[in-house]
Amino acid sequence: DKTLQAEFKTFGTAVPREILRKGGGAFFDLNLQRYFEQVEKVQIRIVDSSHFQGVEGRTTARWRTVGTQKYIDVTRDFFDSENLETKQILSFHEYLGVLGYDDDEYWFSVTLWYLT
């Protein structure tokens, strides 16, 4: 599970890393340097697909906050079912959500991905 957790984190930081490499630093209220600091505090949990039973929408990853702890639950299916670009967008989207950025329609994550 540690390998999958690290892989998800790599996907979720790929877009901001590339934007920083190209000289970007902030978009709207998202400071990319701060984003990396915040990502370190998010716990990635690898769960069975039954974890999302009865949940509407995509059922491979979902973020949530319990108290002050931030979680992203990811199924093993996530790693097998998507291409690289989609994994990067979806992971980035989940991190944005758990960190409090509005990306309900994937507008923010997809737009920043296009900039890379």
Protein backbone atom coordinates (compact mmCIF):
# COMPACT_ATOMS: atom_id res chain seq x y z
CA ASP A 1 0.00 0.00 0.00
CA LYS A 2 2.89 2.41 0.65
CA THR A 3 3.93 2.15 -3.00
CA LEU A 4 0.40 2.97 -4.17
CA GLN A 5 0.16 5.84 -1.69
CA ALA A 6 3.41 7.29 -3.01
CA GLU A 7 2.26 6.80 -6.59
CA PHE A 8 -1.01 8.67 -5.90
CA LYS A 9 0.94 11.53 -4.32
CA THR A 10 3.23 11.65 -7.37
CA PHE A 11 0.20 11.88 -9.65
CA GLY A 12 -1.37 14.56 -7.45
CA THR A 13 1.72 16.75 -7.50
CA ALA A 14 2.68 16.29 -11.17
CA VAL A 15 0.63 19.22 -12.49
CA PRO A 16 1.76 21.80 -9.90
CA ARG A 17 5.37 20.58 -10.17
CA GLU A 18 5.33 21.15 -13.95
CA ILE A 19 3.74 24.58 -13.59
CA LEU A 20 6.43 25.59 -11.08
CA ARG A 21 9.10 24.27 -13.43
CA LYS A 22 7.69 26.55 -16.15
CA GLY A 23 7.83 29.57 -13.84
CA GLY A 24 4.29 29.70 -12.45
CA GLY A 25 3.71 30.18 -8.75
CA ALA A 26 0.12 30.98 -7.91
CA PHE A 27 -3.29 30.76 -9.55
CA PHE A 28 -6.18 32.59 -7.97
CA ASP A 29 -5.85 31.69 -4.28
CA LEU A 30 -3.75 28.54 -4.89
CA ASN A 31 -0.12 29.10 -3.92
CA LEU A 32 1.73 26.16 -5.43
CA GLN A 33 4.57 26.17 -2.86
CA ARG A 34 1.99 26.04 -0.06
CA TYR A 35 0.12 23.30 -1.92
CA PHE A 36 3.13 20.98 -1.58
CA GLU A 37 3.32 21.68 2.16
CA GLN A 38 -0.39 20.92 2.54
CA VAL A 39 -0.17 17.71 0.49
CA GLU A 40 2.28 16.29 3.04
CA LYS A 41 -0.44 16.45 5.71
CA VAL A 42 -3.03 14.46 3.73
CA GLN A 43 -3.32 10.77 4.53
CA ILE A 44 -3.82 8.51 1.50
CA ARG A 45 -5.68 5.31 2.29
CA ILE A 46 -5.91 2.40 -0.14
CA VAL A 47 -9.38 0.85 0.21
CA ASP A 48 -11.46 -1.90 -1.39
CA SER A 49 -14.00 -0.89 -4.01
CA SER A 50 -16.76 -1.91 -1.57
CA HIS A 51 -15.73 1.15 0.47
CA PHE A 52 -17.62 3.31 -2.04
CA GLN A 53 -20.72 1.11 -2.21
CA GLY A 54 -23.81 3.31 -2.53
CA VAL A 55 -21.76 6.41 -3.32
CA GLU A 56 -22.81 8.49 -6.32
CA GLY A 57 -20.26 9.59 -8.90
CA ARG A 58 -16.79 8.26 -9.51
CA THR A 59 -15.92 5.44 -7.15
CA THR A 60 -12.15 5.14 -7.38
CA ALA A 61 -11.12 8.06 -5.15
CA ARG A 62 -12.86 10.32 -2.69
CA TRP A 63 -11.62 12.92 -0.21
CA ARG A 64 -12.95 13.70 3.25
CA THR A 65 -12.03 15.53 6.42
CA VAL A 66 -12.58 14.10 9.90
CA GLY A 67 -11.83 16.70 12.54
CA THR A 68 -8.51 18.17 11.50
CA GLN A 69 -7.29 15.07 9.63
CA LYS A 70 -7.60 15.09 5.85
CA TYR A 71 -7.96 11.81 3.94
CA ILE A 72 -8.13 10.66 0.36
CA ASP A 73 -9.46 7.13 -0.01
CA VAL A 74 -8.33 5.45 -3.23
CA THR A 75 -9.19 2.03 -4.60
CA ARG A 76 -6.70 -0.23 -6.32
CA ASP A 77 -8.95 0.06 -9.39
CA PHE A 78 -7.83 3.67 -9.74
CA PHE A 79 -4.29 2.59 -10.57
CA ASP A 80 -5.41 0.10 -13.22
CA SER A 81 -8.32 1.91 -14.84
CA GLU A 82 -7.02 5.26 -16.05
CA ASN A 83 -4.30 6.61 -18.35
CA LEU A 84 -1.46 8.71 -16.93
CA GLU A 85 -2.98 12.11 -17.73
CA THR A 86 -6.32 11.15 -16.23
CA LYS A 87 -4.62 9.86 -13.07
CA GLN A 88 -2.78 13.17 -12.74
CA ILE A 89 -5.96 15.22 -13.16
CA LEU A 90 -8.06 13.04 -10.84
CA SER A 91 -5.38 12.93 -8.13
CA PHE A 92 -4.85 16.70 -8.35
CA HIS A 93 -8.63 17.16 -8.19
CA GLU A 94 -8.87 15.08 -4.99
CA TYR A 95 -6.03 16.99 -3.34
CA LEU A 96 -7.61 20.32 -4.30
CA GLY A 97 -10.90 19.23 -2.75
CA VAL A 98 -9.48 18.00 0.54
CA LEU A 99 -7.37 21.15 0.82
CA GLY A 100 -10.45 23.35 0.48
CA TYR A 101 -10.26 24.49 -3.13
CA ASP A 102 -13.47 24.40 -5.16
CA ASP A 103 -12.96 22.00 -8.06
CA ASP A 104 -16.39 20.33 -8.15
CA GLU A 105 -16.62 20.44 -11.93
CA TYR A 106 -12.90 19.71 -12.50
CA TRP A 107 -12.51 23.19 -13.99
CA PHE A 108 -9.50 24.14 -11.90
CA SER A 109 -7.62 20.83 -12.15
CA VAL A 110 -8.19 20.45 -15.88
CA THR A 111 -7.31 24.08 -16.66
CA LEU A 112 -4.03 23.85 -14.77
CA TRP A 113 -3.29 20.50 -16.42
CA TYR A 114 -3.74 22.15 -19.85
CA LEU A 115 -1.10 24.71 -18.87
CA THR A 116 1.45 21.95 -18.47
